[in-house]
């Protein structure tokens, strides 16, 4: 996961997040280099049996908080927060710096 909550080249507020038919797609306007990327869509990620999200470093703490904790409907979710396997298992691997802003009720081991 990136500091903006992106996963698999799926960036916040990007039109690719709305893709409902394709399993693989491309972008030509990535907000981070390189601008051109190929990526799985949320359709394929959320169809997986097992999904792991890995994040390290305090620059990703706010994005992890937005993805994991219930922020209400006022804030748009970051892409990592939209990763929710339909029948599979989601596991987060975070270091203490990333987990530092998570709500107390969230259980993570370091």
PDB file of N, CA and C in Angstrom:
ATOM      1  N   UNK A   1       0.842  -1.174   0.000  1.00  0.00           N
ATOM      2  CA  UNK A   1       0.000   0.000   0.000  1.00  0.00           C
ATOM      3  C   UNK A   1       0.884   1.233   0.000  1.00  0.00           C
ATOM      4  N   UNK A   2       0.477   2.210  -0.771  1.00  0.00           N
ATOM      5  CA  UNK A   2       1.226   3.465  -0.827  1.00  0.00           C
ATOM      6  C   UNK A   2       0.717   4.465   0.196  1.00  0.00           C
ATOM      7  N   UNK A   3       1.433   5.574   0.380  1.00  0.00           N
ATOM      8  CA  UNK A   3       1.035   6.576   1.365  1.00  0.00           C
ATOM      9  C   UNK A   3      -0.321   7.215   1.089  1.00  0.00           C
ATOM     10  N   UNK A   4      -0.811   7.109  -0.126  1.00  0.00           N
ATOM     11  CA  UNK A   4      -2.131   7.636  -0.469  1.00  0.00           C
ATOM     12  C   UNK A   4      -3.209   6.549  -0.407  1.00  0.00           C
ATOM     13  N   UNK A   5      -2.817   5.346   0.028  1.00  0.00           N
ATOM     14  CA  UNK A   5      -3.765   4.237   0.128  1.00  0.00           C
ATOM     15  C   UNK A   5      -3.926   3.455  -1.158  1.00  0.00           C
ATOM     16  N   UNK A   6      -3.081   3.701  -2.149  1.00  0.00           N
ATOM     17  CA  UNK A   6      -3.214   2.959  -3.410  1.00  0.00           C
ATOM     18  C   UNK A   6      -2.695   1.532  -3.240  1.00  0.00           C
ATOM     19  N   UNK A   7      -3.290   0.650  -4.005  1.00  0.00           N
ATOM     20  CA  UNK A   7      -2.854  -0.743  -4.074  1.00  0.00           C
ATOM     21  C   UNK A   7      -2.883  -1.157  -5.535  1.00  0.00           C
ATOM     22  N   UNK A   8      -1.908  -1.966  -5.935  1.00  0.00           N
ATOM     23  CA  UNK A   8      -1.874  -2.524  -7.296  1.00  0.00           C
ATOM     24  C   UNK A   8      -2.090  -1.463  -8.380  1.00  0.00           C
ATOM     25  N   UNK A   9      -1.499  -0.312  -8.219  1.00  0.00           N
ATOM     26  CA  UNK A   9      -1.653   0.805  -9.166  1.00  0.00           C
ATOM     27  C   UNK A   9      -3.092   1.278  -9.301  1.00  0.00           C
ATOM     28  N   UNK A  10      -3.877   1.066  -8.263  1.00  0.00           N
ATOM     29  CA  UNK A  10      -5.238   1.605  -8.186  1.00  0.00           C
ATOM     30  C   UNK A  10      -5.174   2.797  -7.234  1.00  0.00           C
ATOM     31  N   UNK A  11      -5.234   3.991  -7.815  1.00  0.00           N
ATOM     32  CA  UNK A  11      -5.021   5.213  -7.057  1.00  0.00           C
ATOM     33  C   UNK A  11      -6.341   5.865  -6.644  1.00  0.00           C
ATOM     34  N   UNK A  12      -6.334   6.621  -5.542  1.00  0.00           N
ATOM     35  CA  UNK A  12      -7.548   7.307  -5.094  1.00  0.00           C
ATOM     36  C   UNK A  12      -8.142   8.183  -6.199  1.00  0.00           C
ATOM     37  N   UNK A  13      -9.446   8.166  -6.268  1.00  0.00           N
ATOM     38  CA  UNK A  13     -10.208   9.009  -7.194  1.00  0.00           C
ATOM     39  C   UNK A  13      -9.892   8.763  -8.669  1.00  0.00           C
ATOM     40  N   UNK A  14      -9.355   7.604  -9.002  1.00  0.00           N
ATOM     41  CA  UNK A  14      -9.051   7.294 -10.406  1.00  0.00           C
ATOM     42  C   UNK A  14     -10.215   6.512 -11.007  1.00  0.00           C
ATOM     43  N   UNK A  15     -10.499   6.745 -12.256  1.00  0.00           N
ATOM     44  CA  UNK A  15     -11.629   6.093 -12.924  1.00  0.00           C
ATOM     45  C   UNK A  15     -11.494   4.570 -12.966  1.00  0.00           C
ATOM     46  N   UNK A  16     -10.289   4.038 -12.898  1.00  0.00           N
ATOM     47  CA  UNK A  16     -10.086   2.591 -12.939  1.00  0.00           C
ATOM     48  C   UNK A  16     -10.750   1.900 -11.743  1.00  0.00           C
ATOM     49  N   UNK A  17     -10.943   2.627 -10.662  1.00  0.00           N
ATOM     50  CA  UNK A  17     -11.618   2.050  -9.485  1.00  0.00           C
ATOM     51  C   UNK A  17     -13.057   1.657  -9.803  1.00  0.00           C
ATOM     52  N   UNK A  18     -13.631   2.253 -10.829  1.00  0.00           N
ATOM     53  CA  UNK A  18     -15.018   1.984 -11.199  1.00  0.00           C
ATOM     54  C   UNK A  18     -15.164   0.841 -12.206  1.00  0.00           C
ATOM     55  N   UNK A  19     -14.057   0.274 -12.667  1.00  0.00           N
ATOM     56  CA  UNK A  19     -14.102  -0.795 -13.664  1.00  0.00           C
ATOM     57  C   UNK A  19     -14.839  -2.007 -13.111  1.00  0.00           C
ATOM     58  N   UNK A  20     -15.880  -2.446 -13.811  1.00  0.00           N
ATOM     59  CA  UNK A  20     -16.718  -3.555 -13.336  1.00  0.00           C
ATOM     60  C   UNK A  20     -16.668  -4.800 -14.218  1.00  0.00           C
ATOM     61  N   UNK A  21     -16.041  -4.700 -15.394  1.00  0.00           N
ATOM     62  CA  UNK A  21     -16.067  -5.814 -16.335  1.00  0.00           C
ATOM     63  C   UNK A  21     -14.702  -6.466 -16.566  1.00  0.00           C
ATOM     64  N   UNK A  22     -13.663  -5.676 -16.603  1.00  0.00           N
ATOM     65  CA  UNK A  22     -12.327  -6.184 -16.929  1.00  0.00           C
ATOM     66  C   UNK A  22     -11.577  -6.635 -15.680  1.00  0.00           C
ATOM     67  N   UNK A  23     -10.742  -7.669 -15.833  1.00  0.00           N
ATOM     68  CA  UNK A  23      -9.923  -8.157 -14.723  1.00  0.00           C
ATOM     69  C   UNK A  23      -8.565  -7.468 -14.695  1.00  0.00           C
ATOM     70  N   UNK A  24      -8.086  -7.085 -15.869  1.00  0.00           N
ATOM     71  CA  UNK A  24      -6.806  -6.398 -16.003  1.00  0.00           C
ATOM     72  C   UNK A  24      -7.051  -5.158 -16.839  1.00  0.00           C
ATOM     73  N   UNK A  25      -6.386  -4.064 -16.467  1.00  0.00           N
ATOM     74  CA  UNK A  25      -6.546  -2.825 -17.231  1.00  0.00           C
ATOM     75  C   UNK A  25      -5.234  -2.060 -17.208  1.00  0.00           C
ATOM     76  N   UNK A  26      -5.240  -0.890 -17.777  1.00  0.00           N
ATOM     77  CA  UNK A  26      -4.040  -0.056 -17.817  1.00  0.00           C
ATOM     78  C   UNK A  26      -4.415   1.374 -17.475  1.00  0.00           C
ATOM     79  N   UNK A  27      -3.424   2.108 -17.028  1.00  0.00           N
ATOM     80  CA  UNK A  27      -3.594   3.548 -16.848  1.00  0.00           C
ATOM     81  C   UNK A  27      -2.419   4.241 -17.545  1.00  0.00           C
ATOM     82  N   UNK A  28      -2.676   5.440 -18.002  1.00  0.00           N
ATOM     83  CA  UNK A  28      -1.630   6.210 -18.682  1.00  0.00           C
ATOM     84  C   UNK A  28      -1.338   7.507 -17.939  1.00  0.00           C
ATOM     85  N   UNK A  29      -2.031   7.705 -16.802  1.00  0.00           N
ATOM     86  CA  UNK A  29      -1.897   8.967 -16.077  1.00  0.00           C
ATOM     87  C   UNK A  29      -1.671   8.744 -14.577  1.00  0.00           C
ATOM     88  N   UNK A  30      -0.800   7.817 -14.250  1.00  0.00           N
ATOM     89  CA  UNK A  30      -0.508   7.545 -12.847  1.00  0.00           C
ATOM     90  C   UNK A  30       0.016   8.807 -12.167  1.00  0.00           C
ATOM     91  N   UNK A  31      -0.457   9.090 -10.938  1.00  0.00           N
ATOM     92  CA  UNK A  31       0.052  10.264 -10.229  1.00  0.00           C
ATOM     93  C   UNK A  31       1.491  10.085  -9.747  1.00  0.00           C
ATOM     94  N   UNK A  32       2.010   8.861  -9.854  1.00  0.00           N
ATOM     95  CA  UNK A  32       3.397   8.582  -9.483  1.00  0.00           C
ATOM     96  C   UNK A  32       4.079   7.916 -10.670  1.00  0.00           C
ATOM     97  N   UNK A  33       5.366   8.155 -10.843  1.00  0.00           N
ATOM     98  CA  UNK A  33       6.072   7.483 -11.938  1.00  0.00           C
ATOM     99  C   UNK A  33       6.089   5.969 -11.729  1.00  0.00           C
ATOM    100  N   UNK A  34       6.049   5.232 -12.768  1.00  0.00           N
ATOM    101  CA  UNK A  34       5.868   5.617 -14.166  1.00  0.00           C
ATOM    102  C   UNK A  34       4.405   5.929 -14.446  1.00  0.00           C
ATOM    103  N   UNK A  35       4.136   6.802 -15.412  1.00  0.00           N
ATOM    104  CA  UNK A  35       2.757   7.197 -15.699  1.00  0.00           C
ATOM    105  C   UNK A  35       1.919   6.095 -16.334  1.00  0.00           C
ATOM    106  N   UNK A  36       2.570   5.195 -17.054  1.00  0.00           N
ATOM    107  CA  UNK A  36       1.843   4.107 -17.718  1.00  0.00           C
ATOM    108  C   UNK A  36       2.032   2.824 -16.931  1.00  0.00           C
ATOM    109  N   UNK A  37       0.911   2.160 -16.570  1.00  0.00           N
ATOM    110  CA  UNK A  37       0.954   0.954 -15.755  1.00  0.00           C
ATOM    111  C   UNK A  37      -0.127  -0.023 -16.189  1.00  0.00           C
ATOM    112  N   UNK A  38       0.133  -1.291 -15.933  1.00  0.00           N
ATOM    113  CA  UNK A  38      -0.869  -2.347 -16.092  1.00  0.00           C
ATOM    114  C   UNK A  38      -1.213  -2.821 -14.695  1.00  0.00           C
ATOM    115  N   UNK A  39      -2.490  -3.087 -14.432  1.00  0.00           N
ATOM    116  CA  UNK A  39      -2.894  -3.468 -13.086  1.00  0.00           C
ATOM    117  C   UNK A  39      -4.093  -4.404 -13.101  1.00  0.00           C
ATOM    118  N   UNK A  40      -4.207  -5.182 -12.042  1.00  0.00           N
ATOM    119  CA  UNK A  40      -5.443  -5.915 -11.800  1.00  0.00           C
ATOM    120  C   UNK A  40      -6.494  -4.912 -11.365  1.00  0.00           C
ATOM    121  N   UNK A  41      -7.755  -5.213 -11.614  1.00  0.00           N
ATOM    122  CA  UNK A  41      -8.842  -4.361 -11.146  1.00  0.00           C
ATOM    123  C   UNK A  41      -9.333  -4.865  -9.792  1.00  0.00           C
ATOM    124  N   UNK A  42     -10.179  -4.079  -9.149  1.00  0.00           N
ATOM    125  CA  UNK A  42     -10.771  -4.520  -7.888  1.00  0.00           C
ATOM    126  C   UNK A  42     -11.598  -5.778  -8.074  1.00  0.00           C
ATOM    127  N   UNK A  43     -12.159  -5.959  -9.270  1.00  0.00           N
ATOM    128  CA  UNK A  43     -12.941  -7.157  -9.562  1.00  0.00           C
ATOM    129  C   UNK A  43     -12.099  -8.420  -9.339  1.00  0.00           C
ATOM    130  N   UNK A  44     -10.888  -8.450  -9.853  1.00  0.00           N
ATOM    131  CA  UNK A  44     -10.044  -9.637  -9.691  1.00  0.00           C
ATOM    132  C   UNK A  44      -9.456  -9.707  -8.277  1.00  0.00           C
ATOM    133  N   UNK A  45      -9.056  -8.593  -7.720  1.00  0.00           N
ATOM    134  CA  UNK A  45      -8.497  -8.608  -6.361  1.00  0.00           C
ATOM    135  C   UNK A  45      -9.526  -9.104  -5.365  1.00  0.00           C
ATOM    136  N   UNK A  46     -10.749  -8.617  -5.469  1.00  0.00           N
ATOM    137  CA  UNK A  46     -11.795  -9.018  -4.525  1.00  0.00           C
ATOM    138  C   UNK A  46     -12.371 -10.401  -4.823  1.00  0.00           C
ATOM    139  N   UNK A  47     -11.950 -11.014  -5.923  1.00  0.00           N
ATOM    140  CA  UNK A  47     -12.345 -12.389  -6.227  1.00  0.00           C
ATOM    141  C   UNK A  47     -11.297 -13.398  -5.765  1.00  0.00           C
ATOM    142  N   UNK A  48     -10.184 -12.926  -5.274  1.00  0.00           N
ATOM    143  CA  UNK A  48      -9.095 -13.805  -4.859  1.00  0.00           C
ATOM    144  C   UNK A  48      -9.443 -14.557  -3.571  1.00  0.00           C
ATOM    145  N   UNK A  49      -8.864 -15.737  -3.415  1.00  0.00           N
ATOM    146  CA  UNK A  49      -9.054 -16.527  -2.199  1.00  0.00           C
ATOM    147  C   UNK A  49      -8.309 -15.934  -1.024  1.00  0.00           C
ATOM    148  N   UNK A  50      -7.146 -15.375  -1.291  1.00  0.00           N
ATOM    149  CA  UNK A  50      -6.324 -14.767  -0.243  1.00  0.00           C
ATOM    150  C   UNK A  50      -5.723 -13.473  -0.779  1.00  0.00           C
ATOM    151  N   UNK A  51      -5.830 -12.411   0.017  1.00  0.00           N
ATOM    152  CA  UNK A  51      -5.267 -11.123  -0.353  1.00  0.00           C
ATOM    153  C   UNK A  51      -4.444 -10.626   0.831  1.00  0.00           C
ATOM    154  N   UNK A  52      -3.248 -10.151   0.560  1.00  0.00           N
ATOM    155  CA  UNK A  52      -2.398  -9.562   1.588  1.00  0.00           C
ATOM    156  C   UNK A  52      -2.095  -8.120   1.202  1.00  0.00           C
ATOM    157  N   UNK A  53      -2.212  -7.236   2.173  1.00  0.00           N
ATOM    158  CA  UNK A  53      -1.807  -5.848   1.986  1.00  0.00           C
ATOM    159  C   UNK A  53      -0.646  -5.620   2.942  1.00  0.00           C
ATOM    160  N   UNK A  54       0.454  -5.119   2.398  1.00  0.00           N
ATOM    161  CA  UNK A  54       1.672  -4.894   3.164  1.00  0.00           C
ATOM    162  C   UNK A  54       1.970  -3.401   3.177  1.00  0.00           C
ATOM    163  N   UNK A  55       2.282  -2.874   4.357  1.00  0.00           N
ATOM    164  CA  UNK A  55       2.640  -1.460   4.457  1.00  0.00           C
ATOM    165  C   UNK A  55       3.632  -1.265   5.593  1.00  0.00           C
ATOM    166  N   UNK A  56       4.644  -0.454   5.335  1.00  0.00           N
ATOM    167  CA  UNK A  56       5.628  -0.122   6.357  1.00  0.00           C
ATOM    168  C   UNK A  56       5.914   1.371   6.312  1.00  0.00           C
ATOM    169  N   UNK A  57       6.227   1.932   7.454  1.00  0.00           N
ATOM    170  CA  UNK A  57       6.628   3.329   7.546  1.00  0.00           C
ATOM    171  C   UNK A  57       5.504   4.262   7.934  1.00  0.00           C
ATOM    172  N   UNK A  58       5.860   5.276   8.707  1.00  0.00           N
ATOM    173  CA  UNK A  58       4.846   6.187   9.241  1.00  0.00           C
ATOM    174  C   UNK A  58       4.144   7.019   8.178  1.00  0.00           C
ATOM    175  N   UNK A  59       4.710   7.128   6.979  1.00  0.00           N
ATOM    176  CA  UNK A  59       4.046   7.897   5.910  1.00  0.00           C
ATOM    177  C   UNK A  59       2.756   7.224   5.450  1.00  0.00           C
ATOM    178  N   UNK A  60       2.550   5.972   5.838  1.00  0.00           N
ATOM    179  CA  UNK A  60       1.356   5.236   5.426  1.00  0.00           C
ATOM    180  C   UNK A  60       0.340   5.069   6.561  1.00  0.00           C
ATOM    181  N   UNK A  61       0.618   5.643   7.721  1.00  0.00           N
ATOM    182  CA  UNK A  61      -0.247   5.476   8.890  1.00  0.00           C
ATOM    183  C   UNK A  61      -1.643   6.051   8.659  1.00  0.00           C
ATOM    184  N   UNK A  62      -1.737   7.230   8.090  1.00  0.00           N
ATOM    185  CA  UNK A  62      -3.048   7.854   7.866  1.00  0.00           C
ATOM    186  C   UNK A  62      -3.865   7.061   6.848  1.00  0.00           C
ATOM    187  N   UNK A  63      -3.217   6.595   5.792  1.00  0.00           N
ATOM    188  CA  UNK A  63      -3.921   5.796   4.784  1.00  0.00           C
ATOM    189  C   UNK A  63      -4.421   4.486   5.377  1.00  0.00           C
ATOM    190  N   UNK A  64      -3.619   3.855   6.224  1.00  0.00           N
ATOM    191  CA  UNK A  64      -4.055   2.616   6.885  1.00  0.00           C
ATOM    192  C   UNK A  64      -5.249   2.897   7.783  1.00  0.00           C
ATOM    193  N   UNK A  65      -5.207   3.991   8.504  1.00  0.00           N
ATOM    194  CA  UNK A  65      -6.334   4.392   9.361  1.00  0.00           C
ATOM    195  C   UNK A  65      -7.601   4.581   8.524  1.00  0.00           C
ATOM    196  N   UNK A  66      -7.479   5.250   7.385  1.00  0.00           N
ATOM    197  CA  UNK A  66      -8.642   5.478   6.528  1.00  0.00           C
ATOM    198  C   UNK A  66      -9.155   4.175   5.920  1.00  0.00           C
ATOM    199  N   UNK A  67      -8.261   3.238   5.653  1.00  0.00           N
ATOM    200  CA  UNK A  67      -8.658   1.973   5.027  1.00  0.00           C
ATOM    201  C   UNK A  67      -9.276   1.000   6.016  1.00  0.00           C
ATOM    202  N   UNK A  68      -8.773   0.973   7.240  1.00  0.00           N
ATOM    203  CA  UNK A  68      -9.169  -0.054   8.201  1.00  0.00           C
ATOM    204  C   UNK A  68     -10.269   0.414   9.147  1.00  0.00           C
ATOM    205  N   UNK A  69     -10.151   1.609   9.668  1.00  0.00           N
ATOM    206  CA  UNK A  69     -11.096   2.092  10.674  1.00  0.00           C
ATOM    207  C   UNK A  69     -12.348   2.667  10.035  1.00  0.00           C
ATOM    208  N   UNK A  70     -13.454   2.586  10.734  1.00  0.00           N
ATOM    209  CA  UNK A  70     -14.719   3.120  10.230  1.00  0.00           C
ATOM    210  C   UNK A  70     -14.660   4.639  10.267  1.00  0.00           C
ATOM    211  N   UNK A  71     -14.569   5.255   9.098  1.00  0.00           N
ATOM    212  CA  UNK A  71     -14.435   6.704   9.000  1.00  0.00           C
ATOM    213  C   UNK A  71     -15.781   7.385   8.722  1.00  0.00           C
ATOM    214  N   UNK A  72     -16.849   6.622   8.625  1.00  0.00           N
ATOM    215  CA  UNK A  72     -18.135   7.202   8.277  1.00  0.00           C
ATOM    216  C   UNK A  72     -18.232   7.408   6.777  1.00  0.00           C
ATOM    217  N   UNK A  73     -19.321   7.946   6.325  1.00  0.00           N
ATOM    218  CA  UNK A  73     -19.535   8.103   4.881  1.00  0.00           C
ATOM    219  C   UNK A  73     -19.057   9.448   4.351  1.00  0.00           C
ATOM    220  N   UNK A  74     -18.551  10.326   5.221  1.00  0.00           N
ATOM    221  CA  UNK A  74     -18.123  11.649   4.780  1.00  0.00           C
ATOM    222  C   UNK A  74     -16.832  11.615   3.958  1.00  0.00           C
ATOM    223  N   UNK A  75     -15.970  10.643   4.236  1.00  0.00           N
ATOM    224  CA  UNK A  75     -14.699  10.561   3.541  1.00  0.00           C
ATOM    225  C   UNK A  75     -14.732   9.446   2.507  1.00  0.00           C
ATOM    226  N   UNK A  76     -14.249   9.713   1.304  1.00  0.00           N
ATOM    227  CA  UNK A  76     -14.181   8.624   0.323  1.00  0.00           C
ATOM    228  C   UNK A  76     -13.126   7.621   0.768  1.00  0.00           C
ATOM    229  N   UNK A  77     -13.390   6.331   0.610  1.00  0.00           N
ATOM    230  CA  UNK A  77     -12.416   5.335   1.042  1.00  0.00           C
ATOM    231  C   UNK A  77     -11.185   5.354   0.133  1.00  0.00           C
ATOM    232  N   UNK A  78     -10.058   5.050   0.719  1.00  0.00           N
ATOM    233  CA  UNK A  78      -8.856   4.880  -0.091  1.00  0.00           C
ATOM    234  C   UNK A  78      -8.952   3.507  -0.752  1.00  0.00           C
ATOM    235  N   UNK A  79      -8.284   3.293  -1.871  1.00  0.00           N
ATOM    236  CA  UNK A  79      -8.395   2.006  -2.561  1.00  0.00           C
ATOM    237  C   UNK A  79      -8.121   0.795  -1.661  1.00  0.00           C
ATOM    238  N   UNK A  80      -7.171   0.894  -0.748  1.00  0.00           N
ATOM    239  CA  UNK A  80      -6.903  -0.235   0.155  1.00  0.00           C
ATOM    240  C   UNK A  80      -8.123  -0.583   0.992  1.00  0.00           C
ATOM    241  N   UNK A  81      -8.960   0.390   1.285  1.00  0.00           N
ATOM    242  CA  UNK A  81     -10.170   0.157   2.054  1.00  0.00           C
ATOM    243  C   UNK A  81     -11.283  -0.491   1.256  1.00  0.00           C
ATOM    244  N   UNK A  82     -11.163  -0.474  -0.061  1.00  0.00           N
ATOM    245  CA  UNK A  82     -12.163  -1.084  -0.930  1.00  0.00           C
ATOM    246  C   UNK A  82     -11.817  -2.548  -1.202  1.00  0.00           C
ATOM    247  N   UNK A  83     -10.604  -2.934  -0.846  1.00  0.00           N
ATOM    248  CA  UNK A  83     -10.208  -4.335  -1.002  1.00  0.00           C
ATOM    249  C   UNK A  83     -10.939  -5.137   0.070  1.00  0.00           C
ATOM    250  N   UNK A  84     -11.908  -5.927  -0.372  1.00  0.00           N
ATOM    251  CA  UNK A  84     -12.730  -6.746   0.512  1.00  0.00           C
ATOM    252  C   UNK A  84     -13.114  -8.011  -0.239  1.00  0.00           C
ATOM    253  N   UNK A  85     -12.279  -9.048  -0.136  1.00  0.00           N
ATOM    254  CA  UNK A  85     -12.570 -10.277  -0.869  1.00  0.00           C
ATOM    255  C   UNK A  85     -13.977 -10.802  -0.579  1.00  0.00           C
ATOM    256  N   UNK A  86     -14.685 -11.184  -1.642  1.00  0.00           N
ATOM    257  CA  UNK A  86     -16.065 -11.643  -1.509  1.00  0.00           C
ATOM    258  C   UNK A  86     -16.171 -12.947  -0.722  1.00  0.00           C
ATOM    259  N   UNK A  87     -15.286 -13.889  -1.006  1.00  0.00           N
ATOM    260  CA  UNK A  87     -15.306 -15.179  -0.318  1.00  0.00           C
ATOM    261  C   UNK A  87     -13.944 -15.531   0.253  1.00  0.00           C
ATOM    262  N   UNK A  88     -12.989 -14.661   0.087  1.00  0.00           N
ATOM    263  CA  UNK A  88     -11.624 -14.948   0.500  1.00  0.00           C
ATOM    264  C   UNK A  88     -11.249 -14.301   1.813  1.00  0.00           C
ATOM    265  N   UNK A  89      -9.976 -14.331   2.070  1.00  0.00           N
ATOM    266  CA  UNK A  89      -9.420 -13.831   3.323  1.00  0.00           C
ATOM    267  C   UNK A  89      -8.498 -12.651   3.034  1.00  0.00           C
ATOM    268  N   UNK A  90      -8.638 -11.587   3.811  1.00  0.00           N
ATOM    269  CA  UNK A  90      -7.782 -10.404   3.700  1.00  0.00           C
ATOM    270  C   UNK A  90      -6.905 -10.341   4.941  1.00  0.00           C
ATOM    271  N   UNK A  91      -5.600 -10.228   4.729  1.00  0.00           N
ATOM    272  CA  UNK A  91      -4.649 -10.120   5.830  1.00  0.00           C
ATOM    273  C   UNK A  91      -3.802  -8.875   5.611  1.00  0.00           C
ATOM    274  N   UNK A  92      -3.669  -8.075   6.654  1.00  0.00           N
ATOM    275  CA  UNK A  92      -2.827  -6.885   6.633  1.00  0.00           C
ATOM    276  C   UNK A  92      -1.519  -7.197   7.346  1.00  0.00           C
ATOM    277  N   UNK A  93      -0.401  -6.804   6.747  1.00  0.00           N
ATOM    278  CA  UNK A  93       0.909  -6.889   7.376  1.00  0.00           C
ATOM    279  C   UNK A  93       1.421  -5.465   7.544  1.00  0.00           C
ATOM    280  N   UNK A  94       1.431  -4.983   8.788  1.00  0.00           N
ATOM    281  CA  UNK A  94       1.805  -3.602   9.085  1.00  0.00           C
ATOM    282  C   UNK A  94       2.895  -3.567  10.140  1.00  0.00           C
ATOM    283  N   UNK A  95       3.780  -2.591  10.037  1.00  0.00           N
ATOM    284  CA  UNK A  95       4.714  -2.396  11.134  1.00  0.00           C
ATOM    285  C   UNK A  95       4.062  -1.457  12.153  1.00  0.00           C
ATOM    286  N   UNK A  96       4.726  -1.248  13.273  1.00  0.00           N
ATOM    287  CA  UNK A  96       4.152  -0.418  14.345  1.00  0.00           C
ATOM    288  C   UNK A  96       3.896   1.013  13.890  1.00  0.00           C
ATOM    289  N   UNK A  97       4.759   1.535  13.030  1.00  0.00           N
ATOM    290  CA  UNK A  97       4.582   2.908  12.559  1.00  0.00           C
ATOM    291  C   UNK A  97       3.287   3.060  11.764  1.00  0.00           C
ATOM    292  N   UNK A  98       2.998   2.127  10.896  1.00  0.00           N
ATOM    293  CA  UNK A  98       1.766   2.189  10.105  1.00  0.00           C
ATOM    294  C   UNK A  98       0.552   1.999  11.005  1.00  0.00           C
ATOM    295  N   UNK A  99       0.637   1.094  11.945  1.00  0.00           N
ATOM    296  CA  UNK A  99      -0.497   0.779  12.824  1.00  0.00           C
ATOM    297  C   UNK A  99      -0.715   1.831  13.905  1.00  0.00           C
ATOM    298  N   UNK A 100       0.151   2.829  14.002  1.00  0.00           N
ATOM    299  CA  UNK A 100       0.096   3.799  15.098  1.00  0.00           C
ATOM    300  C   UNK A 100      -1.182   4.628  15.145  1.00  0.00           C
ATOM    301  N   UNK A 101      -1.865   4.801  14.034  1.00  0.00           N
ATOM    302  CA  UNK A 101      -3.081   5.628  14.012  1.00  0.00           C
ATOM    303  C   UNK A 101      -4.368   4.819  13.988  1.00  0.00           C
ATOM    304  N   UNK A 102      -4.262   3.504  14.066  1.00  0.00           N
ATOM    305  CA  UNK A 102      -5.464   2.676  14.043  1.00  0.00           C
ATOM    306  C   UNK A 102      -6.235   2.832  15.338  1.00  0.00           C
ATOM    307  N   UNK A 103      -7.561   2.736  15.241  1.00  0.00           N
ATOM    308  CA  UNK A 103      -8.390   2.801  16.434  1.00  0.00           C
ATOM    309  C   UNK A 103      -7.990   1.700  17.403  1.00  0.00           C
ATOM    310  N   UNK A 104      -8.151   1.953  18.701  1.00  0.00           N
ATOM    311  CA  UNK A 104      -7.760   0.992  19.730  1.00  0.00           C
ATOM    312  C   UNK A 104      -8.428  -0.363  19.584  1.00  0.00           C
ATOM    313  N   UNK A 105      -9.641  -0.380  19.037  1.00  0.00           N
ATOM    314  CA  UNK A 105     -10.372  -1.634  18.916  1.00  0.00           C
ATOM    315  C   UNK A 105      -9.855  -2.540  17.813  1.00  0.00           C
ATOM    316  N   UNK A 106      -8.977  -2.037  16.969  1.00  0.00           N
ATOM    317  CA  UNK A 106      -8.444  -2.837  15.873  1.00  0.00           C
ATOM    318  C   UNK A 106      -7.283  -3.661  16.375  1.00  0.00           C
ATOM    319  N   UNK A 107      -7.330  -4.938  16.130  1.00  0.00           N
ATOM    320  CA  UNK A 107      -6.303  -5.853  16.629  1.00  0.00           C
ATOM    321  C   UNK A 107      -5.288  -6.186  15.547  1.00  0.00           C
ATOM    322  N   UNK A 108      -4.068  -5.782  15.746  1.00  0.00           N
ATOM    323  CA  UNK A 108      -2.950  -6.124  14.868  1.00  0.00           C
ATOM    324  C   UNK A 108      -1.791  -6.511  15.729  1.00  0.00           C
ATOM    325  N   UNK A 109      -1.037  -7.491  15.288  1.00  0.00           N
ATOM    326  CA  UNK A 109       0.178  -7.850  16.006  1.00  0.00           C
ATOM    327  C   UNK A 109       1.375  -7.360  15.224  1.00  0.00           C
ATOM    328  N   UNK A 110       2.357  -6.906  15.940  1.00  0.00           N
ATOM    329  CA  UNK A 110       3.549  -6.342  15.289  1.00  0.00           C
ATOM    330  C   UNK A 110       4.652  -7.381  15.220  1.00  0.00           C
TER     331      UNK A 110
END
